[in-house]
Amino acid sequence: MEQHDLASRPGVTVARLTLAALAGIAAGGAHAGGLTLYEVGTEDVGLASAGYSARAQDASTVLTNPAGMTRLPGTQVTLGAQLLYADLGFSIAQGTSPALGGGDGGNPVGWFPGGGGFATYAVNPNLVVGFGLAGNFGLSLKYDDNWAGRYYARQSTLIGLSLLPSVAYKVTDKLSLGLSLNVMYGYLKNTVAVNNFLGPDGELSLSNGTWGLGANVGVLYELTPGTRVGLTYNSPVDLNFSANANFSGLSPGLEAVLRQRGLLNSNVDLGVRVPQGLMLSGFHQLDNRWALLGSLGWQDWSQFGKVQVGVDSGNPQSLTTNLNYKDTWHIAVGTQYQLSEPWRLNFGVAYDSGFQSGTVPPALPANWAWRFGAGAQNQVSKSFSWGVSGEYLYGGTLDVNQQAALPVALGGRGNLVGSYPNSGILFIAANFNWKF
């Protein structure tokens, strides 16, 4: 009954639009995390993730398959560093509301750093412990302030940093089991423009950090000394964010409506689920020069698409946004070639199916992807090696078609139509490996 009464009051449309913006910005945060990277600066970059759960050639197996640690004697350390450059320019098309202007937003990603660090220690020939630190979940987008889609997304950041204490045990000469706890710190920051009717836009922002806990379980089976199969299960990780809805630059009328509705400085609870996944990989040494690697994976993005948003205020409201994501499949093939005694070359290609149907939102311009990788490793001595690698991710042309309930002149977000032509990401990585 209260909702019906409010609907007849002047200005309630603005309040409802702003409440919808709370849900939209929260979903935007989820969208920004709708990308799990296989790339953390290690040798896997040059292989495009081929052999991901079976390679176990350095300490990064703490992340990819903890069971692979049983192949690493003594103490081993791997450090990976990388830069990615994303080309995600937006092209405005006919159908976009003229009142939104002609700003294309610039390149919302540009350069973005990444990497990881890993260490293993063999307690005895059958028991190995390890630790890893990696950030392979999420990305950050920041558009120009005046771009046409500012009422849908201005800045959207969701990043997960994983701490991975790990243990592996060699059950038999052929079978090893491994377990990693995934202690993840998640950071969320989002801003979206608010339509003030007249004058410059206001802004709504959310910012929060939280912890989540999951586990990675690995199995490695060595059929022969040169042939092995690995399987890794990554459990879901729940990140329960709780952030103040901070409004700024609001017109006096809109501010009064929001205060009446109890939305000013309200608390927004947002649950984001990092999806569970499986990765099955194989490694086969053909001869003293050539090795073949492959991977087949699945990720549960359909569960990630369910985002709960709660507004805790004097007049509580709640919204549920179902993003209708699809589960994804991953396939990769690659090869290693021993060029000489110190030099090994890596090559790989991979495909990931799309998790979004049809068009994409500007908070996550990503869907299906092809990966093409190449790299080189140099064994300087028995105790030290280093490598460089590069990978290009091609995401095709991504169409956007956001339709608003109301036009901009009446406080709506307007219609945003366009595309990200020939989207792509370039990864440049270097890794360093020590054995003690």
Protein backbone atom coordinates (compact mmCIF):
# COMPACT_ATOMS: atom_id res chain seq x y z
CA MET A 1 0.00 0.00 0.00
CA GLU A 2 2.84 2.38 0.77
CA GLN A 3 4.32 1.85 -2.70
CA HIS A 4 0.95 2.67 -4.29
CA ASP A 5 0.60 5.91 -2.28
CA LEU A 6 4.12 7.00 -3.13
CA ALA A 7 3.53 6.48 -6.82
CA SER A 8 1.07 9.37 -6.84
CA ARG A 9 3.51 11.88 -5.33
CA PRO A 10 5.65 14.28 -7.38
CA GLY A 11 9.27 13.26 -7.60
CA VAL A 12 8.78 9.57 -6.73
CA THR A 13 9.95 8.63 -10.23
CA VAL A 14 13.33 10.11 -9.37
CA ALA A 15 13.47 8.11 -6.14
CA ARG A 16 12.69 4.87 -7.94
CA LEU A 17 15.24 5.61 -10.63
CA THR A 18 17.84 6.25 -7.96
CA LEU A 19 16.95 3.01 -6.18
CA ALA A 20 17.33 1.25 -9.53
CA ALA A 21 20.72 2.95 -9.88
CA LEU A 22 21.75 1.34 -6.58
CA ALA A 23 20.98 -2.04 -8.10
CA GLY A 24 22.63 -1.10 -11.37
CA ILE A 25 25.87 0.02 -9.80
CA ALA A 26 25.96 -3.15 -7.70
CA ALA A 27 25.42 -5.25 -10.78
CA GLY A 28 28.11 -3.18 -12.45
CA GLY A 29 30.52 -4.29 -9.76
CA ALA A 30 29.57 -7.86 -10.44
CA HIS A 31 29.99 -7.33 -14.16
CA ALA A 32 33.49 -5.99 -13.65
CA GLY A 33 34.38 -9.25 -11.93
CA GLY A 34 32.81 -11.37 -14.68
CA LEU A 35 36.25 -12.27 -15.93
CA THR A 36 38.60 -14.85 -14.43
CA LEU A 37 42.10 -14.63 -15.89
CA TYR A 38 44.40 -17.61 -16.43
CA GLU A 39 47.25 -15.11 -16.74
CA VAL A 40 49.33 -14.21 -13.67
CA GLY A 41 52.70 -13.58 -15.34
CA THR A 42 53.87 -17.22 -15.38
CA GLU A 43 54.87 -19.55 -18.21
CA ASP A 44 51.17 -20.32 -18.77
CA VAL A 45 50.79 -16.98 -20.57
CA GLY A 46 52.87 -18.23 -23.52
CA LEU A 47 50.88 -21.50 -23.57
CA ALA A 48 47.46 -19.77 -23.53
CA SER A 49 46.71 -22.02 -20.50
CA ALA A 50 47.29 -25.31 -22.36
CA GLY A 51 48.31 -27.98 -19.84
CA TYR A 52 47.20 -25.66 -17.01
CA SER A 53 46.51 -28.40 -14.42
CA ALA A 54 49.10 -30.92 -15.62
CA ARG A 55 52.27 -28.96 -16.47
CA ALA A 56 53.60 -28.67 -12.86
CA GLN A 57 57.04 -27.47 -14.01
CA ASP A 58 57.45 -24.66 -11.46
CA ALA A 59 56.00 -23.37 -8.19
CA SER A 60 53.02 -21.71 -9.91
CA THR A 61 51.36 -25.14 -9.72
CA VAL A 62 50.28 -23.95 -6.25
CA LEU A 63 47.59 -22.02 -8.17
CA THR A 64 46.93 -24.25 -11.16
CA ASN A 65 46.97 -27.66 -9.39
CA PRO A 66 48.34 -28.02 -5.84
CA ALA A 67 48.83 -31.77 -6.38
CA GLY A 68 51.61 -30.90 -8.87
CA MET A 69 53.81 -29.71 -5.99
CA THR A 70 54.93 -33.32 -5.43
CA ARG A 71 56.96 -33.02 -8.66
CA LEU A 72 59.08 -30.21 -7.17
CA PRO A 73 62.01 -31.31 -4.96
CA GLY A 74 63.65 -29.06 -2.37
CA THR A 75 62.53 -25.45 -2.16
CA GLN A 76 61.30 -23.67 -5.28
CA VAL A 77 60.13 -20.09 -5.88
CA THR A 78 58.35 -18.57 -8.90
CA LEU A 79 57.64 -14.89 -9.43
CA GLY A 80 55.50 -13.66 -12.31
CA ALA A 81 54.88 -10.08 -13.46
CA GLN A 82 52.72 -8.85 -16.30
CA LEU A 83 51.06 -5.88 -17.91
CA LEU A 84 47.89 -6.09 -19.93
CA TYR A 85 46.65 -3.50 -22.36
CA ALA A 86 42.96 -3.61 -23.30
CA ASP A 87 41.64 -1.95 -26.44
CA LEU A 88 37.96 -1.33 -25.63
CA GLY A 89 36.96 1.85 -27.42
CA PHE A 90 33.18 2.42 -27.63
CA SER A 91 31.49 3.45 -30.88
CA ILE A 92 28.13 5.24 -30.49
CA ALA A 93 25.40 4.13 -32.89
CA GLN A 94 22.03 5.44 -34.04
CA GLY A 95 19.41 4.89 -31.35
CA THR A 96 21.42 6.49 -28.55
CA SER A 97 19.47 9.28 -26.85
CA PRO A 98 20.82 12.61 -28.22
CA ALA A 99 20.61 14.17 -24.75
CA LEU A 100 23.39 11.82 -23.58
CA GLY A 101 25.89 13.63 -25.81
CA GLY A 102 28.56 12.19 -28.06
CA GLY A 103 31.28 11.20 -25.59
CA ASP A 104 32.68 7.75 -26.38
CA GLY A 105 34.19 7.23 -22.90
CA GLY A 106 37.78 6.83 -24.07
CA ASN A 107 39.54 3.52 -23.39
CA PRO A 108 38.11 2.35 -20.03
CA VAL A 109 40.94 -0.08 -19.22
CA GLY A 110 44.24 0.78 -20.92
CA TRP A 111 47.24 -0.56 -19.01
CA PHE A 112 46.61 -2.80 -16.00
CA PRO A 113 49.26 -4.63 -13.88
CA GLY A 114 49.10 -8.21 -12.63
CA GLY A 115 51.19 -11.13 -11.49
CA GLY A 116 51.75 -13.66 -8.74
CA GLY A 117 54.30 -15.17 -6.37
CA PHE A 118 54.59 -18.85 -5.35
CA ALA A 119 56.84 -21.01 -3.17
CA THR A 120 57.01 -24.75 -2.39
CA TYR A 121 58.95 -26.76 0.19
CA ALA A 122 59.38 -30.56 0.13
CA VAL A 123 59.11 -31.77 3.73
CA ASN A 124 60.00 -35.26 2.46
CA PRO A 125 59.72 -37.03 -0.93
CA ASN A 126 55.97 -37.55 -0.44
CA LEU A 127 54.84 -34.40 1.41
CA VAL A 128 55.13 -30.86 0.03
CA VAL A 129 53.76 -27.59 1.39
CA GLY A 130 53.43 -24.32 -0.48
CA PHE A 131 52.08 -20.81 -0.53
CA GLY A 132 50.87 -18.53 -3.29
CA LEU A 133 49.73 -14.96 -3.79
CA ALA A 134 47.85 -14.13 -6.99
CA GLY A 135 45.27 -11.73 -8.35
CA ASN A 136 43.50 -13.50 -11.23
CA PHE A 137 39.91 -12.40 -10.59
CA GLY A 138 38.39 -9.13 -11.73
CA LEU A 139 39.29 -6.05 -13.68
CA SER A 140 38.87 -2.28 -13.45
CA LEU A 141 37.01 0.01 -15.85
CA LYS A 142 36.99 3.80 -15.82
CA TYR A 143 35.21 5.83 -18.49
CA ASP A 144 35.54 9.57 -19.15
CA ASP A 145 33.14 11.56 -16.97
CA ASN A 146 31.12 12.97 -19.87
CA TRP A 147 30.63 9.77 -21.87
CA ALA A 148 27.20 8.83 -23.20
CA GLY A 149 26.84 5.80 -20.90
CA ARG A 150 27.67 7.61 -17.67
CA TYR A 151 24.25 6.79 -16.13
CA TYR A 152 25.00 3.07 -16.61
CA ALA A 153 28.68 2.97 -15.61
CA ARG A 154 31.39 5.52 -14.93
CA GLN A 155 33.88 3.49 -12.89
CA SER A 156 33.52 -0.19 -12.03
CA THR A 157 36.21 -2.07 -10.12
CA LEU A 158 36.07 -5.51 -8.54
CA ILE A 159 39.37 -7.23 -7.78
CA GLY A 160 40.07 -10.44 -5.87
CA LEU A 161 43.49 -11.15 -4.37
CA SER A 162 44.03 -14.78 -3.31
CA LEU A 163 46.29 -16.09 -0.52
CA LEU A 164 46.91 -19.80 -1.12
CA PRO A 165 48.36 -21.92 1.72
CA SER A 166 48.74 -25.38 0.17
CA VAL A 167 49.68 -29.00 0.84
CA ALA A 168 50.23 -31.99 -1.45
CA TYR A 169 50.79 -35.68 -0.76
CA LYS A 170 52.11 -38.40 -3.07
CA VAL A 171 49.80 -41.34 -2.41
CA THR A 172 51.57 -43.70 -4.84
CA ASP A 173 54.33 -43.36 -7.43
CA LYS A 174 51.64 -42.32 -9.91
CA LEU A 175 48.95 -40.56 -7.86
CA SER A 176 49.23 -37.23 -6.00
CA LEU A 177 46.57 -35.23 -4.18
CA GLY A 178 46.66 -31.53 -3.29
CA LEU A 179 44.64 -28.90 -1.44
CA SER A 180 44.87 -25.10 -1.33
CA LEU A 181 42.80 -22.80 0.82
CA ASN A 182 41.72 -19.78 -1.21
CA VAL A 183 41.65 -16.87 1.24
CA MET A 184 40.44 -14.05 -1.01
CA TYR A 185 40.38 -10.35 -0.29
CA GLY A 186 37.86 -8.59 -2.52
CA TYR A 187 37.82 -4.87 -3.24
CA LEU A 188 34.81 -3.12 -4.75
CA LYS A 189 34.61 0.44 -6.02
CA ASN A 190 31.89 1.76 -8.28
CA THR A 191 30.63 5.14 -9.40
CA VAL A 192 27.73 6.08 -11.64
CA ALA A 193 26.38 9.46 -12.69
CA VAL A 194 22.98 10.59 -11.38
CA ASN A 195 20.65 12.59 -13.63
CA ASN A 196 19.83 15.89 -11.91
CA PHE A 197 17.32 17.02 -14.59
CA LEU A 198 18.92 20.47 -14.78
CA GLY A 199 22.57 21.41 -14.36
CA PRO A 200 25.56 19.09 -14.02
CA ASP A 201 25.19 15.46 -13.01
CA GLY A 202 25.40 14.21 -9.47
CA GLU A 203 27.19 10.99 -8.54
CA LEU A 204 26.57 7.81 -6.59
CA SER A 205 29.57 5.82 -5.36
CA LEU A 206 30.16 2.59 -3.45
CA SER A 207 33.45 1.39 -1.98
CA ASN A 208 34.18 -1.59 0.28
CA GLY A 209 36.63 -4.42 0.97
CA THR A 210 35.81 -7.86 2.36
CA TRP A 211 37.20 -11.39 2.80
CA GLY A 212 35.95 -14.69 1.39
CA LEU A 213 37.07 -18.31 1.75
CA GLY A 214 37.18 -21.17 -0.73
CA ALA A 215 39.32 -24.16 -1.63
CA ASN A 216 41.15 -25.59 -4.64
CA VAL A 217 41.42 -29.39 -4.80
CA GLY A 218 43.85 -31.07 -7.21
CA VAL A 219 44.62 -34.55 -8.50
CA LEU A 220 47.67 -35.45 -10.60
CA TYR A 221 48.13 -38.90 -12.16
CA GLU A 222 51.37 -39.79 -13.96
CA LEU A 223 50.76 -42.59 -16.44
CA THR A 224 54.46 -42.60 -17.44
CA PRO A 225 57.41 -40.33 -16.56
CA GLY A 226 56.54 -38.19 -19.60
CA THR A 227 52.74 -38.37 -19.55
CA ARG A 228 50.45 -37.01 -16.86
CA VAL A 229 46.86 -35.88 -16.37
CA GLY A 230 45.72 -33.23 -13.88
CA LEU A 231 42.29 -32.26 -12.58
CA THR A 232 41.61 -29.16 -10.45
CA TYR A 233 38.37 -28.11 -8.79
CA ASN A 234 37.99 -24.49 -7.63
CA SER A 235 35.18 -23.99 -5.14
CA PRO A 236 33.01 -20.85 -5.19
CA VAL A 237 34.06 -17.92 -3.01
CA ASP A 238 31.40 -15.62 -1.55
CA LEU A 239 32.35 -11.96 -1.19
CA ASN A 240 29.75 -10.17 0.92
CA PHE A 241 30.26 -6.47 0.42
CA SER A 242 28.55 -3.83 2.54
CA ALA A 243 29.05 -0.23 1.47
CA ASN A 244 27.60 3.21 2.12
CA ALA A 245 25.69 4.71 -0.79
CA ASN A 246 27.55 8.02 -1.07
CA PHE A 247 25.74 10.68 -3.11
CA SER A 248 27.36 13.93 -4.18
CA GLY A 249 26.47 16.91 -6.36
CA LEU A 250 22.72 16.32 -6.10
CA SER A 251 20.20 19.01 -6.90
CA PRO A 252 18.23 20.25 -3.82
CA GLY A 253 14.99 18.71 -5.08
CA LEU A 254 16.47 15.29 -5.75
CA GLU A 255 18.34 15.35 -2.45
CA ALA A 256 15.07 16.05 -0.61
CA VAL A 257 13.33 13.12 -2.34
CA LEU A 258 16.19 10.76 -1.49
CA ARG A 259 16.19 11.91 2.13
CA GLN A 260 12.45 11.32 2.34
CA ARG A 261 12.95 7.81 1.01
CA GLY A 262 15.78 7.10 3.48
CA LEU A 263 18.31 6.47 0.70
CA LEU A 264 20.88 9.12 1.58
CA ASN A 265 23.87 7.43 3.24
CA SER A 266 21.98 4.12 3.25
CA ASN A 267 23.83 0.83 3.42
CA VAL A 268 23.95 -1.44 0.36
CA ASP A 269 24.66 -5.14 0.91
CA LEU A 270 25.97 -6.85 -2.20
CA GLY A 271 26.79 -10.54 -2.40
CA VAL A 272 29.14 -11.53 -5.22
CA ARG A 273 29.96 -15.18 -5.85
CA VAL A 274 33.25 -16.00 -7.56
CA PRO A 275 32.15 -19.03 -9.63
CA GLN A 276 33.27 -22.60 -9.11
CA GLY A 277 35.12 -24.35 -11.91
CA LEU A 278 36.82 -27.52 -13.14
CA MET A 279 39.96 -27.84 -15.25
CA LEU A 280 41.16 -31.11 -16.81
CA SER A 281 44.60 -30.98 -18.44
CA GLY A 282 47.13 -33.29 -20.04
CA PHE A 283 50.88 -33.24 -20.70
CA HIS A 284 52.69 -35.68 -23.03
CA GLN A 285 56.42 -35.64 -23.85
CA LEU A 286 56.65 -36.86 -27.46
CA ASP A 287 60.46 -37.01 -27.60
CA ASN A 288 63.46 -35.12 -26.22
CA ARG A 289 62.35 -31.93 -28.02
CA TRP A 290 58.56 -31.85 -28.38
CA ALA A 291 55.77 -31.96 -25.79
CA LEU A 292 52.01 -31.63 -26.32
CA LEU A 293 49.68 -29.96 -23.80
CA GLY A 294 45.91 -29.52 -23.61
CA SER A 295 43.14 -28.34 -21.30
CA LEU A 296 39.36 -28.58 -21.03
CA GLY A 297 37.56 -26.43 -18.46
CA TRP A 298 34.13 -25.41 -17.14
CA GLN A 299 33.08 -22.41 -15.04
CA ASP A 300 29.74 -21.92 -13.28
CA TRP A 301 28.92 -18.36 -14.39
CA SER A 302 25.16 -19.00 -14.23
CA GLN A 303 25.40 -18.82 -10.41
CA PHE A 304 27.49 -15.64 -10.56
CA GLY A 305 24.63 -13.95 -12.38
CA LYS A 306 22.38 -13.93 -9.31
CA VAL A 307 23.13 -10.71 -7.40
CA GLN A 308 21.27 -9.79 -4.20
CA VAL A 309 21.03 -6.08 -3.38
CA GLY A 310 19.67 -4.85 -0.05
CA VAL A 311 19.18 -1.22 1.03
CA ASP A 312 19.19 -0.94 4.81
CA SER A 313 17.58 2.37 5.80
CA GLY A 314 14.65 3.83 7.73
CA ASN A 315 12.38 2.52 4.95
CA PRO A 316 14.09 -0.73 3.86
CA GLN A 317 13.96 -1.76 0.22
CA SER A 318 15.40 -4.81 -1.52
CA LEU A 319 15.98 -5.73 -5.12
CA THR A 320 17.19 -8.90 -6.81
CA THR A 321 18.96 -8.61 -10.13
CA ASN A 322 19.34 -11.79 -12.19
CA LEU A 323 21.98 -11.21 -14.84
CA ASN A 324 21.19 -14.50 -16.60
CA TYR A 325 24.78 -15.49 -17.28
CA LYS A 326 25.57 -18.82 -18.91
CA ASP A 327 28.10 -21.44 -17.82
CA THR A 328 31.27 -21.31 -19.93
CA TRP A 329 33.57 -23.89 -21.51
CA HIS A 330 37.29 -23.57 -22.11
CA ILE A 331 39.52 -25.55 -24.48
CA ALA A 332 43.25 -25.04 -25.08
CA VAL A 333 46.01 -26.82 -26.99
CA GLY A 334 49.72 -26.04 -26.98
CA THR A 335 53.23 -27.30 -27.46
CA GLN A 336 56.71 -26.94 -25.96
CA TYR A 337 59.82 -27.20 -28.12
CA GLN A 338 63.33 -27.62 -26.68
CA LEU A 339 65.24 -25.41 -29.06
CA SER A 340 68.63 -25.95 -27.39
CA GLU A 341 70.04 -26.93 -24.00
CA PRO A 342 69.02 -23.67 -22.27
CA TRP A 343 66.08 -22.53 -24.45
CA ARG A 344 62.51 -23.86 -24.52
CA LEU A 345 59.76 -22.34 -26.67
CA ASN A 346 56.05 -22.31 -25.81
CA PHE A 347 53.03 -21.91 -28.08
CA GLY A 348 49.30 -22.15 -27.34
CA VAL A 349 45.80 -21.30 -28.48
CA ALA A 350 42.58 -21.35 -26.44
CA TYR A 351 38.88 -20.60 -26.75
CA ASP A 352 36.39 -19.59 -24.03
CA SER A 353 32.66 -19.65 -24.77
CA GLY A 354 30.54 -16.60 -23.98
CA PHE A 355 28.78 -16.10 -20.64
CA GLN A 356 26.42 -13.36 -21.85
CA SER A 357 23.58 -13.73 -24.36
CA GLY A 358 23.22 -11.16 -27.12
CA THR A 359 24.35 -7.68 -26.11
CA VAL A 360 26.69 -6.76 -23.25
CA PRO A 361 26.46 -3.99 -20.62
CA PRO A 362 29.07 -1.20 -20.57
CA ALA A 363 30.16 -2.34 -17.08
CA LEU A 364 31.55 -5.55 -18.61
CA PRO A 365 32.49 -5.37 -22.30
CA ALA A 366 33.53 -9.04 -22.52
CA ASN A 367 32.08 -12.35 -23.66
CA TRP A 368 33.61 -15.17 -25.74
CA ALA A 369 37.36 -15.01 -26.39
CA TRP A 370 40.20 -16.53 -28.40
CA ARG A 371 43.72 -16.57 -26.89
CA PHE A 372 46.98 -16.86 -28.84
CA GLY A 373 50.19 -17.20 -26.82
CA ALA A 374 53.93 -17.60 -27.38
CA GLY A 375 56.92 -17.51 -25.05
CA ALA A 376 60.50 -18.57 -24.35
CA GLN A 377 62.20 -19.99 -21.24
CA ASN A 378 65.92 -19.85 -20.52
CA GLN A 379 67.55 -22.29 -18.07
CA VAL A 380 70.49 -20.19 -16.90
CA SER A 381 71.70 -22.77 -14.36
CA LYS A 382 70.39 -25.72 -12.35
CA SER A 383 69.06 -23.28 -9.78
CA PHE A 384 67.72 -20.39 -11.88
CA SER A 385 65.61 -19.87 -15.00
CA TRP A 386 63.65 -17.01 -16.48
CA GLY A 387 61.18 -16.51 -19.28
CA VAL A 388 59.17 -14.00 -21.28
CA SER A 389 55.83 -14.48 -22.96
CA GLY A 390 53.03 -12.69 -24.74
CA GLU A 391 49.41 -13.43 -25.42
CA TYR A 392 46.66 -11.75 -27.41
CA LEU A 393 43.03 -12.18 -26.40
CA TYR A 394 40.54 -11.40 -29.17
CA GLY A 395 36.97 -10.75 -28.04
CA GLY A 396 35.36 -9.72 -31.34
CA THR A 397 32.84 -6.90 -31.68
CA LEU A 398 30.62 -6.50 -28.61
CA ASP A 399 27.21 -4.87 -29.11
CA VAL A 400 25.50 -2.70 -26.49
CA ASN A 401 21.76 -1.94 -26.38
CA GLN A 402 20.65 -0.43 -23.07
CA GLN A 403 17.04 0.79 -23.13
CA ALA A 404 15.72 3.11 -20.42
CA ALA A 405 12.16 3.26 -19.06
CA LEU A 406 12.17 7.07 -19.22
CA PRO A 407 13.94 9.61 -21.46
CA VAL A 408 16.78 11.73 -20.12
CA ALA A 409 14.56 14.83 -19.97
CA LEU A 410 12.31 13.10 -17.42
CA GLY A 411 15.14 11.83 -15.24
CA GLY A 412 15.81 8.59 -17.08
CA ARG A 413 19.21 7.17 -18.01
CA GLY A 414 18.44 7.29 -21.73
CA ASN A 415 19.03 4.71 -24.44
CA LEU A 416 22.63 3.65 -25.09
CA VAL A 417 23.27 1.86 -28.39
CA GLY A 418 26.65 1.07 -29.92
CA SER A 419 29.51 -1.42 -29.88
CA TYR A 420 33.11 -2.12 -28.91
CA PRO A 421 34.59 -3.00 -32.33
CA ASN A 422 37.30 -5.71 -32.45
CA SER A 423 37.89 -5.77 -28.69
CA GLY A 424 41.20 -7.23 -27.55
CA ILE A 425 43.67 -7.54 -24.69
CA LEU A 426 47.46 -7.86 -24.99
CA PHE A 427 49.40 -9.55 -22.17
CA ILE A 428 53.16 -9.09 -21.73
CA ALA A 429 54.74 -11.21 -18.98
CA ALA A 430 58.06 -12.21 -17.41
CA ASN A 431 58.70 -15.02 -14.92
CA PHE A 432 61.65 -15.91 -12.68
CA ASN A 433 62.26 -19.30 -11.07
CA TRP A 434 64.68 -20.39 -8.33
CA LYS A 435 65.50 -23.87 -6.96
CA PHE A 436 67.29 -24.33 -3.64
